[in-house]
Amino acid sequence: MAKIKVTQKRSTIGRTVNQKRTVRALGLKRISDSAIHNESPQVLGMIDKVKHLIEVEKVK
């Protein structure tokens, strides 16, 4: 599977509880935190829910 790097770019302050939990489940705690995940349908769905708060890039 391909790997993707997820980086938090915006704060979760003022966001819904579901968005906060999704960002936390992706392994992100604060702005500029990064996590590497396998590109699975579950992870891509989580990314789609909070795409306005994070930045995604492919990892070789």
N, C-alpha and C. Protein backbone atom coordinates (compact mmCIF):
# COMPACT_ATOMS: atom_id res chain seq x y z
N MET A 1 0.83 -1.19 0.00
CA MET A 1 0.00 0.00 0.00
C MET A 1 0.87 1.25 0.00
N ALA A 2 0.34 2.28 -0.57
CA ALA A 2 1.04 3.57 -0.60
C ALA A 2 0.95 4.23 0.77
N LYS A 3 1.93 5.04 1.06
CA LYS A 3 1.95 5.77 2.33
C LYS A 3 1.61 7.23 2.06
N ILE A 4 0.92 7.85 3.02
CA ILE A 4 0.62 9.27 2.94
C ILE A 4 1.00 9.94 4.25
N LYS A 5 1.45 11.18 4.14
CA LYS A 5 1.83 11.97 5.31
C LYS A 5 0.76 13.02 5.52
N VAL A 6 0.22 13.06 6.74
CA VAL A 6 -0.85 13.99 7.10
C VAL A 6 -0.27 14.99 8.08
N THR A 7 -0.44 16.28 7.81
CA THR A 7 0.06 17.35 8.67
C THR A 7 -1.07 18.28 9.03
N GLN A 8 -1.21 18.59 10.32
CA GLN A 8 -2.25 19.51 10.76
C GLN A 8 -1.80 20.94 10.47
N LYS A 9 -2.63 21.70 9.77
CA LYS A 9 -2.30 23.07 9.40
C LYS A 9 -3.17 24.12 10.09
N ARG A 10 -4.35 23.73 10.55
CA ARG A 10 -5.25 24.68 11.21
C ARG A 10 -5.70 24.10 12.55
N SER A 11 -6.12 24.97 13.44
CA SER A 11 -6.54 24.58 14.78
C SER A 11 -7.92 23.92 14.76
N THR A 12 -8.17 23.10 15.79
CA THR A 12 -9.49 22.48 15.94
C THR A 12 -10.39 23.28 16.88
N ILE A 13 -9.91 24.42 17.35
CA ILE A 13 -10.73 25.26 18.23
C ILE A 13 -11.95 25.73 17.46
N GLY A 14 -13.12 25.56 18.06
CA GLY A 14 -14.36 26.01 17.43
C GLY A 14 -14.93 25.01 16.43
N ARG A 15 -14.30 23.85 16.28
CA ARG A 15 -14.79 22.82 15.36
C ARG A 15 -15.70 21.86 16.11
N THR A 16 -16.43 21.05 15.36
CA THR A 16 -17.33 20.10 15.99
C THR A 16 -16.54 19.01 16.70
N VAL A 17 -17.20 18.33 17.62
CA VAL A 17 -16.55 17.26 18.38
C VAL A 17 -16.09 16.16 17.44
N ASN A 18 -16.89 15.84 16.42
CA ASN A 18 -16.51 14.79 15.47
C ASN A 18 -15.23 15.16 14.73
N GLN A 19 -15.08 16.41 14.34
CA GLN A 19 -13.87 16.83 13.64
C GLN A 19 -12.66 16.77 14.57
N LYS A 20 -12.83 17.18 15.82
CA LYS A 20 -11.73 17.12 16.78
C LYS A 20 -11.29 15.68 17.00
N ARG A 21 -12.25 14.78 17.14
CA ARG A 21 -11.93 13.37 17.36
C ARG A 21 -11.26 12.75 16.14
N THR A 22 -11.68 13.16 14.95
CA THR A 22 -11.09 12.63 13.73
C THR A 22 -9.64 13.06 13.61
N VAL A 23 -9.35 14.33 13.87
CA VAL A 23 -7.97 14.82 13.82
C VAL A 23 -7.12 14.07 14.85
N ARG A 24 -7.66 13.86 16.02
CA ARG A 24 -6.93 13.15 17.08
C ARG A 24 -6.69 11.70 16.68
N ALA A 25 -7.69 11.07 16.04
CA ALA A 25 -7.56 9.68 15.61
C ALA A 25 -6.52 9.52 14.50
N LEU A 26 -6.28 10.59 13.75
CA LEU A 26 -5.23 10.56 12.74
C LEU A 26 -3.84 10.70 13.35
N GLY A 27 -3.77 10.91 14.66
CA GLY A 27 -2.49 11.00 15.35
C GLY A 27 -1.94 12.41 15.44
N LEU A 28 -2.82 13.40 15.28
CA LEU A 28 -2.39 14.80 15.29
C LEU A 28 -2.88 15.46 16.57
N LYS A 29 -1.97 16.14 17.26
CA LYS A 29 -2.31 16.79 18.52
C LYS A 29 -2.34 18.31 18.41
N ARG A 30 -1.43 18.86 17.61
CA ARG A 30 -1.34 20.32 17.52
C ARG A 30 -0.90 20.71 16.11
N ILE A 31 -0.93 21.99 15.83
CA ILE A 31 -0.54 22.48 14.51
C ILE A 31 0.91 22.09 14.24
N SER A 32 1.19 21.67 13.04
CA SER A 32 2.49 21.22 12.54
C SER A 32 2.83 19.78 12.91
N ASP A 33 1.97 19.09 13.65
CA ASP A 33 2.18 17.68 13.89
C ASP A 33 1.95 16.90 12.61
N SER A 34 2.72 15.84 12.41
CA SER A 34 2.58 15.00 11.22
C SER A 34 2.46 13.55 11.62
N ALA A 35 1.80 12.77 10.77
CA ALA A 35 1.67 11.34 10.96
C ALA A 35 1.68 10.68 9.60
N ILE A 36 2.22 9.47 9.55
CA ILE A 36 2.26 8.71 8.29
C ILE A 36 1.31 7.54 8.42
N HIS A 37 0.47 7.36 7.41
CA HIS A 37 -0.54 6.30 7.40
C HIS A 37 -0.49 5.56 6.08
N ASN A 38 -1.01 4.32 6.09
CA ASN A 38 -1.24 3.60 4.86
C ASN A 38 -2.46 4.20 4.17
N GLU A 39 -2.45 4.21 2.87
CA GLU A 39 -3.55 4.80 2.11
C GLU A 39 -4.68 3.77 2.00
N SER A 40 -5.52 3.73 3.04
CA SER A 40 -6.65 2.80 3.07
C SER A 40 -7.96 3.58 2.96
N PRO A 41 -9.05 2.91 2.60
CA PRO A 41 -10.33 3.62 2.49
C PRO A 41 -10.76 4.28 3.80
N GLN A 42 -10.44 3.65 4.94
CA GLN A 42 -10.81 4.22 6.23
C GLN A 42 -10.07 5.54 6.49
N VAL A 43 -8.78 5.54 6.24
CA VAL A 43 -7.97 6.74 6.47
C VAL A 43 -8.37 7.84 5.48
N LEU A 44 -8.61 7.47 4.23
CA LEU A 44 -9.01 8.46 3.23
C LEU A 44 -10.36 9.10 3.59
N GLY A 45 -11.26 8.33 4.18
CA GLY A 45 -12.54 8.87 4.64
C GLY A 45 -12.36 9.85 5.77
N MET A 46 -11.45 9.54 6.69
CA MET A 46 -11.16 10.45 7.81
C MET A 46 -10.54 11.74 7.28
N ILE A 47 -9.64 11.60 6.33
CA ILE A 47 -8.98 12.77 5.74
C ILE A 47 -10.01 13.66 5.05
N ASP A 48 -10.96 13.05 4.37
CA ASP A 48 -11.99 13.82 3.66
C ASP A 48 -12.84 14.65 4.62
N LYS A 49 -13.08 14.14 5.84
CA LYS A 49 -13.90 14.86 6.81
C LYS A 49 -13.21 16.10 7.36
N VAL A 50 -11.89 16.10 7.39
CA VAL A 50 -11.15 17.22 7.99
C VAL A 50 -10.14 17.82 7.01
N LYS A 51 -10.41 17.72 5.73
CA LYS A 51 -9.45 18.19 4.72
C LYS A 51 -9.16 19.68 4.81
N HIS A 52 -10.07 20.44 5.42
CA HIS A 52 -9.86 21.88 5.57
C HIS A 52 -8.90 22.20 6.71
N LEU A 53 -8.57 21.22 7.54
CA LEU A 53 -7.68 21.44 8.68
C LEU A 53 -6.29 20.84 8.48
N ILE A 54 -6.15 19.98 7.47
CA ILE A 54 -4.89 19.25 7.30
C ILE A 54 -4.34 19.39 5.89
N GLU A 55 -3.11 18.94 5.74
CA GLU A 55 -2.45 18.90 4.43
C GLU A 55 -1.97 17.48 4.23
N VAL A 56 -2.16 16.93 3.02
CA VAL A 56 -1.81 15.55 2.73
C VAL A 56 -0.80 15.51 1.60
N GLU A 57 0.21 14.65 1.74
CA GLU A 57 1.19 14.47 0.68
C GLU A 57 1.59 13.00 0.61
N LYS A 58 1.96 12.55 -0.57
CA LYS A 58 2.40 11.17 -0.78
C LYS A 58 3.83 11.01 -0.26
N VAL A 59 4.12 9.84 0.29
CA VAL A 59 5.46 9.52 0.78
C VAL A 59 5.98 8.38 -0.07
N LYS A 60 7.22 8.47 -0.48
CA LYS A 60 7.81 7.42 -1.33
C LYS A 60 8.22 6.23 -0.51
